[in-house]
Structure formats: C-alpha cells, structure tokens
C-alpha atoms as a PDB file:
ATOM      1  CA  MET A   1      -3.648   7.100  -1.990  1.00  0.00           C
ATOM      2  CA  SER A   2      -6.995   7.455  -0.279  1.00  0.00           C
ATOM      3  CA  GLU A   3      -7.804   9.431   2.925  1.00  0.00           C
ATOM      4  CA  ILE A   4      -8.317   7.377   6.151  1.00  0.00           C
ATOM      5  CA  ARG A   5     -11.219   8.353   8.355  1.00  0.00           C
ATOM      6  CA  ALA A   6     -11.657   6.504  11.641  1.00  0.00           C
ATOM      7  CA  ARG A   7     -15.356   6.983  13.174  1.00  0.00           C
ATOM      8  CA  THR A   8     -17.289   5.401  15.659  1.00  0.00           C
ATOM      9  CA  ILE A   9     -19.985   3.351  14.153  1.00  0.00           C
ATOM     10  CA  THR A  10     -23.652   2.153  14.940  1.00  0.00           C
ATOM     11  CA  PRO A  11     -25.382  -1.073  14.476  1.00  0.00           C
ATOM     12  CA  ASP A  12     -26.131  -0.100  10.814  1.00  0.00           C
ATOM     13  CA  HIS A  13     -22.974  -0.664  10.031  1.00  0.00           C
ATOM     14  CA  TRP A  14     -22.767  -4.245  11.501  1.00  0.00           C
ATOM     15  CA  GLN A  15     -21.892  -5.837   8.003  1.00  0.00           C
ATOM     16  CA  ASP A  16     -19.043  -3.775   7.494  1.00  0.00           C
ATOM     17  CA  TRP A  17     -17.890  -4.706  11.281  1.00  0.00           C
ATOM     18  CA  ARG A  18     -18.621  -8.437  10.773  1.00  0.00           C
ATOM     19  CA  ASP A  19     -16.823  -8.425   7.290  1.00  0.00           C
ATOM     20  CA  ILE A  20     -13.499  -6.918   8.550  1.00  0.00           C
ATOM     21  CA  ARG A  21     -13.487  -8.865  11.868  1.00  0.00           C
ATOM     22  CA  LEU A  22     -13.780 -12.203  10.055  1.00  0.00           C
ATOM     23  CA  ARG A  23     -11.249 -11.245   7.992  1.00  0.00           C
ATOM     24  CA  ALA A  24      -8.854 -10.165  10.739  1.00  0.00           C
ATOM     25  CA  LEU A  25      -9.619 -13.439  12.509  1.00  0.00           C
ATOM     26  CA  LEU A  26      -9.001 -15.618   9.394  1.00  0.00           C
ATOM     27  CA  GLU A  27      -5.581 -13.633   8.520  1.00  0.00           C
ATOM     28  CA  ASP A  28      -4.007 -13.009  11.868  1.00  0.00           C
ATOM     29  CA  PRO A  29      -5.853 -15.832  14.112  1.00  0.00           C
ATOM     30  CA  ASP A  30      -2.810 -15.591  16.706  1.00  0.00           C
ATOM     31  CA  ALA A  31      -3.534 -11.685  17.440  1.00  0.00           C
ATOM     32  CA  PHE A  32      -7.005 -12.373  19.109  1.00  0.00           C
ATOM     33  CA  GLY A  33      -8.465 -14.482  21.989  1.00  0.00           C
ATOM     34  CA  SER A  34     -11.257 -15.130  19.671  1.00  0.00           C
ATOM     35  CA  THR A  35     -11.320 -17.528  16.718  1.00  0.00           C
ATOM     36  CA  TYR A  36     -12.810 -17.467  13.171  1.00  0.00           C
ATOM     37  CA  ALA A  37     -14.560 -20.645  14.177  1.00  0.00           C
ATOM     38  CA  GLY A  38     -16.562 -19.068  17.044  1.00  0.00           C
ATOM     39  CA  GLU A  39     -17.119 -15.600  15.622  1.00  0.00           C
ATOM     40  CA  ALA A  40     -18.503 -16.977  12.198  1.00  0.00           C
ATOM     41  CA  GLN A  41     -21.504 -18.472  13.771  1.00  0.00           C
ATOM     42  CA  PHE A  42     -22.823 -15.074  15.013  1.00  0.00           C
ATOM     43  CA  ASP A  43     -26.165 -14.079  13.730  1.00  0.00           C
ATOM     44  CA  GLU A  44     -26.932 -10.233  12.727  1.00  0.00           C
ATOM     45  CA  SER A  45     -28.205  -9.367  16.212  1.00  0.00           C
ATOM     46  CA  THR A  46     -24.962 -10.416  17.843  1.00  0.00           C
ATOM     47  CA  TRP A  47     -22.999  -8.390  15.285  1.00  0.00           C
ATOM     48  CA  ARG A  48     -25.439  -5.360  15.909  1.00  0.00           C
ATOM     49  CA  ALA A  49     -24.893  -5.467  19.644  1.00  0.00           C
ATOM     50  CA  ARG A  50     -21.086  -5.296  18.952  1.00  0.00           C
ATOM     51  CA  ALA A  51     -21.461  -2.050  17.465  1.00  0.00           C
ATOM     52  CA  ASP A  52     -24.461  -0.628  19.484  1.00  0.00           C
ATOM     53  CA  GLY A  53     -22.035   1.460  22.116  1.00  0.00           C
ATOM     54  CA  THR A  54     -23.371  -0.022  25.141  1.00  0.00           C
ATOM     55  CA  SER A  55     -20.258  -1.084  26.693  1.00  0.00           C
ATOM     56  CA  GLY A  56     -17.825   0.947  24.623  1.00  0.00           C
ATOM     57  CA  PRO A  57     -17.150   2.453  21.163  1.00  0.00           C
ATOM     58  CA  ALA A  58     -16.823   0.119  17.973  1.00  0.00           C
ATOM     59  CA  VAL A  59     -14.634   2.108  15.530  1.00  0.00           C
ATOM     60  CA  LEU A  60     -14.036   1.481  11.884  1.00  0.00           C
ATOM     61  CA  ALA A  61     -11.349   3.171   9.597  1.00  0.00           C
ATOM     62  CA  TYR A  62     -12.363   3.647   6.150  1.00  0.00           C
ATOM     63  CA  ALA A  63     -10.541   4.405   2.802  1.00  0.00           C
ATOM     64  CA  ASP A  64     -12.908   5.653   0.630  1.00  0.00           C
ATOM     65  CA  ASP A  65     -16.067   3.506   1.264  1.00  0.00           C
ATOM     66  CA  LYS A  66     -14.048   0.445   2.221  1.00  0.00           C
ATOM     67  CA  ALA A  67     -13.189  -0.586   6.091  1.00  0.00           C
ATOM     68  CA  VAL A  68      -9.662  -1.151   6.337  1.00  0.00           C
ATOM     69  CA  GLY A  69      -9.143  -1.169  10.032  1.00  0.00           C
ATOM     70  CA  MET A  70     -11.004  -1.810  13.190  1.00  0.00           C
ATOM     71  CA  GLY A  71     -11.009  -1.503  16.837  1.00  0.00           C
ATOM     72  CA  ALA A  72     -13.173  -1.179  19.932  1.00  0.00           C
ATOM     73  CA  GLY A  73     -13.417  -0.517  23.779  1.00  0.00           C
ATOM     74  CA  TRP A  74     -15.177  -2.688  26.217  1.00  0.00           C
ATOM     75  CA  SER A  75     -15.915  -1.404  29.749  1.00  0.00           C
ATOM     76  CA  TYR A  76     -15.006  -4.425  31.593  1.00  0.00           C
ATOM     77  CA  GLU A  77     -15.223  -3.204  35.215  1.00  0.00           C
ATOM     78  CA  PRO A  78     -16.088   0.142  36.741  1.00  0.00           C
ATOM     79  CA  GLY A  79     -13.684   3.045  35.736  1.00  0.00           C
ATOM     80  CA  ARG A  80     -11.954   0.795  33.095  1.00  0.00           C
ATOM     81  CA  LEU A  81     -12.053   0.463  29.264  1.00  0.00           C
ATOM     82  CA  MET A  82     -10.252  -2.384  27.469  1.00  0.00           C
ATOM     83  CA  VAL A  83      -9.140  -1.689  23.952  1.00  0.00           C
ATOM     84  CA  VAL A  84      -9.905  -4.964  21.882  1.00  0.00           C
ATOM     85  CA  ALA A  85     -10.667  -6.314  18.327  1.00  0.00           C
ATOM     86  CA  MET A  86      -7.676  -3.774  17.017  1.00  0.00           C
ATOM     87  CA  TRP A  87      -6.758  -4.814  13.187  1.00  0.00           C
ATOM     88  CA  THR A  88      -5.649  -3.165  10.146  1.00  0.00           C
ATOM     89  CA  GLU A  89      -5.674  -4.570   6.545  1.00  0.00           C
ATOM     90  CA  PRO A  90      -2.009  -5.375   5.701  1.00  0.00           C
ATOM     91  CA  ALA A  91      -1.956  -3.151   2.752  1.00  0.00           C
ATOM     92  CA  TRP A  92      -2.741  -0.174   5.023  1.00  0.00           C
ATOM     93  CA  ARG A  93      -0.272  -1.019   7.984  1.00  0.00           C
ATOM     94  CA  GLY A  94       2.104   1.789   8.699  1.00  0.00           C
ATOM     95  CA  GLN A  95      -0.301   4.559   7.392  1.00  0.00           C
ATOM     96  CA  GLY A  96      -1.748   5.800  10.508  1.00  0.00           C
ATOM     97  CA  VAL A  97      -4.860   3.755  10.712  1.00  0.00           C
ATOM     98  CA  GLY A  98      -4.314   2.011  14.107  1.00  0.00           C
ATOM     99  CA  ARG A  99      -3.455   5.291  15.683  1.00  0.00           C
ATOM    100  CA  GLY A 100      -6.545   6.899  14.314  1.00  0.00           C
ATOM    101  CA  ILE A 101      -8.779   4.046  15.782  1.00  0.00           C
ATOM    102  CA  LEU A 102      -6.833   4.618  19.110  1.00  0.00           C
ATOM    103  CA  ASP A 103      -7.564   8.285  19.001  1.00  0.00           C
ATOM    104  CA  GLN A 104     -11.338   7.406  18.828  1.00  0.00           C
ATOM    105  CA  VAL A 105     -11.387   4.711  21.380  1.00  0.00           C
ATOM    106  CA  VAL A 106      -9.095   6.511  23.916  1.00  0.00           C
ATOM    107  CA  GLY A 107     -10.984   9.984  23.450  1.00  0.00           C
ATOM    108  CA  TRP A 108     -14.285   7.661  24.275  1.00  0.00           C
ATOM    109  CA  ALA A 109     -12.664   6.576  27.478  1.00  0.00           C
ATOM    110  CA  ARG A 110     -11.262   9.990  28.401  1.00  0.00           C
ATOM    111  CA  GLU A 111     -14.588  11.594  27.849  1.00  0.00           C
ATOM    112  CA  ARG A 112     -15.910   9.207  30.481  1.00  0.00           C
ATOM    113  CA  ALA A 113     -12.973   9.449  32.791  1.00  0.00           C
ATOM    114  CA  LEU A 114     -12.239   5.790  32.156  1.00  0.00           C
ATOM    115  CA  ARG A 115      -8.633   4.546  32.503  1.00  0.00           C
ATOM    116  CA  THR A 116      -7.549   2.197  29.206  1.00  0.00           C
ATOM    117  CA  ASP A 117      -5.746  -0.595  28.942  1.00  0.00           C
ATOM    118  CA  LEU A 118      -5.544  -3.572  26.492  1.00  0.00           C
ATOM    119  CA  TRP A 119      -3.739  -7.018  25.931  1.00  0.00           C
ATOM    120  CA  VAL A 120      -1.104  -7.494  23.064  1.00  0.00           C
ATOM    121  CA  ALA A 121      -0.094 -10.948  21.780  1.00  0.00           C
ATOM    122  CA  ASP A 122       3.671 -11.443  22.232  1.00  0.00           C
ATOM    123  CA  SER A 123       3.822 -12.768  18.721  1.00  0.00           C
ATOM    124  CA  ASN A 124       2.783  -9.402  17.442  1.00  0.00           C
ATOM    125  CA  PRO A 125       5.640  -6.839  17.785  1.00  0.00           C
ATOM    126  CA  ALA A 126       4.311  -4.423  15.303  1.00  0.00           C
ATOM    127  CA  ALA A 127       1.045  -3.829  17.279  1.00  0.00           C
ATOM    128  CA  ARG A 128       3.176  -3.637  20.534  1.00  0.00           C
ATOM    129  CA  ARG A 129       5.123  -0.898  19.096  1.00  0.00           C
ATOM    130  CA  LEU A 130       1.969   0.790  17.831  1.00  0.00           C
ATOM    131  CA  TYR A 131       0.557   0.793  21.573  1.00  0.00           C
ATOM    132  CA  GLU A 132       3.798   1.783  23.210  1.00  0.00           C
ATOM    133  CA  ARG A 133       4.272   4.593  20.877  1.00  0.00           C
ATOM    134  CA  TYR A 134       0.813   5.629  21.792  1.00  0.00           C
ATOM    135  CA  GLY A 135       1.915   5.814  25.516  1.00  0.00           C
ATOM    136  CA  PHE A 136       0.672   2.230  26.746  1.00  0.00           C
ATOM    137  CA  GLU A 137       3.085   0.622  29.102  1.00  0.00           C
ATOM    138  CA  PRO A 138       3.522  -3.076  30.268  1.00  0.00           C
ATOM    139  CA  ASN A 139       2.108  -3.631  33.768  1.00  0.00           C
ATOM    140  CA  GLY A 140       3.996  -6.917  34.187  1.00  0.00           C
ATOM    141  CA  GLU A 141       0.887  -9.246  33.688  1.00  0.00           C
ATOM    142  CA  THR A 142       1.168 -12.049  31.105  1.00  0.00           C
ATOM    143  CA  SER A 143      -1.339 -14.971  30.414  1.00  0.00           C
ATOM    144  CA  PRO A 144      -2.046 -17.420  27.540  1.00  0.00           C
ATOM    145  CA  LEU A 145      -3.645 -15.706  24.506  1.00  0.00           C
ATOM    146  CA  ARG A 146      -6.398 -18.688  24.661  1.00  0.00           C
ATOM    147  CA  GLU A 147      -6.900 -21.636  26.605  1.00  0.00           C
ATOM    148  CA  ASP A 148      -5.572 -23.975  23.808  1.00  0.00           C
ATOM    149  CA  SER A 149      -2.843 -21.556  22.618  1.00  0.00           C
ATOM    150  CA  ASP A 150       0.884 -21.648  23.261  1.00  0.00           C
ATOM    151  CA  VAL A 151       0.920 -17.863  22.329  1.00  0.00           C
ATOM    152  CA  THR A 152       1.158 -15.536  25.062  1.00  0.00           C
ATOM    153  CA  LYS A 153      -0.209 -12.015  25.532  1.00  0.00           C
ATOM    154  CA  THR A 154       1.039  -8.892  27.695  1.00  0.00           C
ATOM    155  CA  ARG A 155      -1.435  -6.143  29.470  1.00  0.00           C
ATOM    156  CA  LEU A 156      -0.457  -2.747  28.550  1.00  0.00           C
ATOM    157  CA  VAL A 157      -1.795   0.295  30.475  1.00  0.00           C
ATOM    158  CA  LEU A 158      -2.191   3.866  29.368  1.00  0.00           C
ATOM    159  CA  PRO A 159      -1.108   5.931  32.359  1.00  0.00           C
ATOM    160  CA  ASP A 160      -3.214   8.888  33.359  1.00  0.00           C
END
C-alpha cells in the first residue's frame, strides 16, 4: 500500500484538482451542492482560482503521484472557514485520507483563529461519521442539498 500525503496545493496543481473534483461529482453527485454539469464548464483560470489559497486552502491527498482525495476551506464570513469539496476515491476510503485532509484544512483555519464548520449530505453517513469522529458537532441547522434536490444536508461545527 502506498503512503498517503495530504498537502495544500497551488494553482500549478489545477489539473489534479479539476480531475479529482469532476470524478467526485460524477461518482457521488448527491454528496455535493455543485454539479458535474456546472463545473465541467469551468475554464483553466477558474480551476486555478480554486487552488490559489485566497479564500482558504485547497488540499489534495496523494498516493504516490495520484490524487486520491480532496478537500478545501472557504472563508465565507469574518472569523469562519467552511470545509468544502471533501471527497476520497472509493478504493482509498477508510485509510485516513479524509482525516489527513481535515488536518490540513482545520490546521490552516486554526493558524488564522478561524472557527470551522461544514455541511454534510444526510445521505452520506460515512462522511458524517468521519466529521463527528474528528470533533464536529451538529448545530441543528438543515437545508436542501441543492435547490432541485430532495437530499438534505446538516451543518456541523467544530467547537473551539
């Protein structure tokens, strides 16, 4: 088994980010508020901007030279960072990929004294278990995953 390394990326890694993001949206469409159809239209500058670190870190987990997991943080209001775009290749689930990505994203937030939260699809109990084992707790907030979706999502927050 290969060693897994999670690391914050730069815009130069935009193709790896794009490739795994589009795989994630195709394979697990009910895990995300975005859609494959929407993001498949992005051009190179949009993908580069997603990895530029301006509003938060973009993190990829690599096994050898292959991206096997992803996640990011988005500073959506003063003092807050939302964990977004979390996904792990099915063959790599249960091997610490998600935890390694969370370590990078949450560490980035803590270095900047930001509180961290996220939304998790209620149809994804494995992701919810990962987040709750990490320390995230539900705050009682729920909403539809997307405007056109019957799937709901729940907000989880990481206590100080």
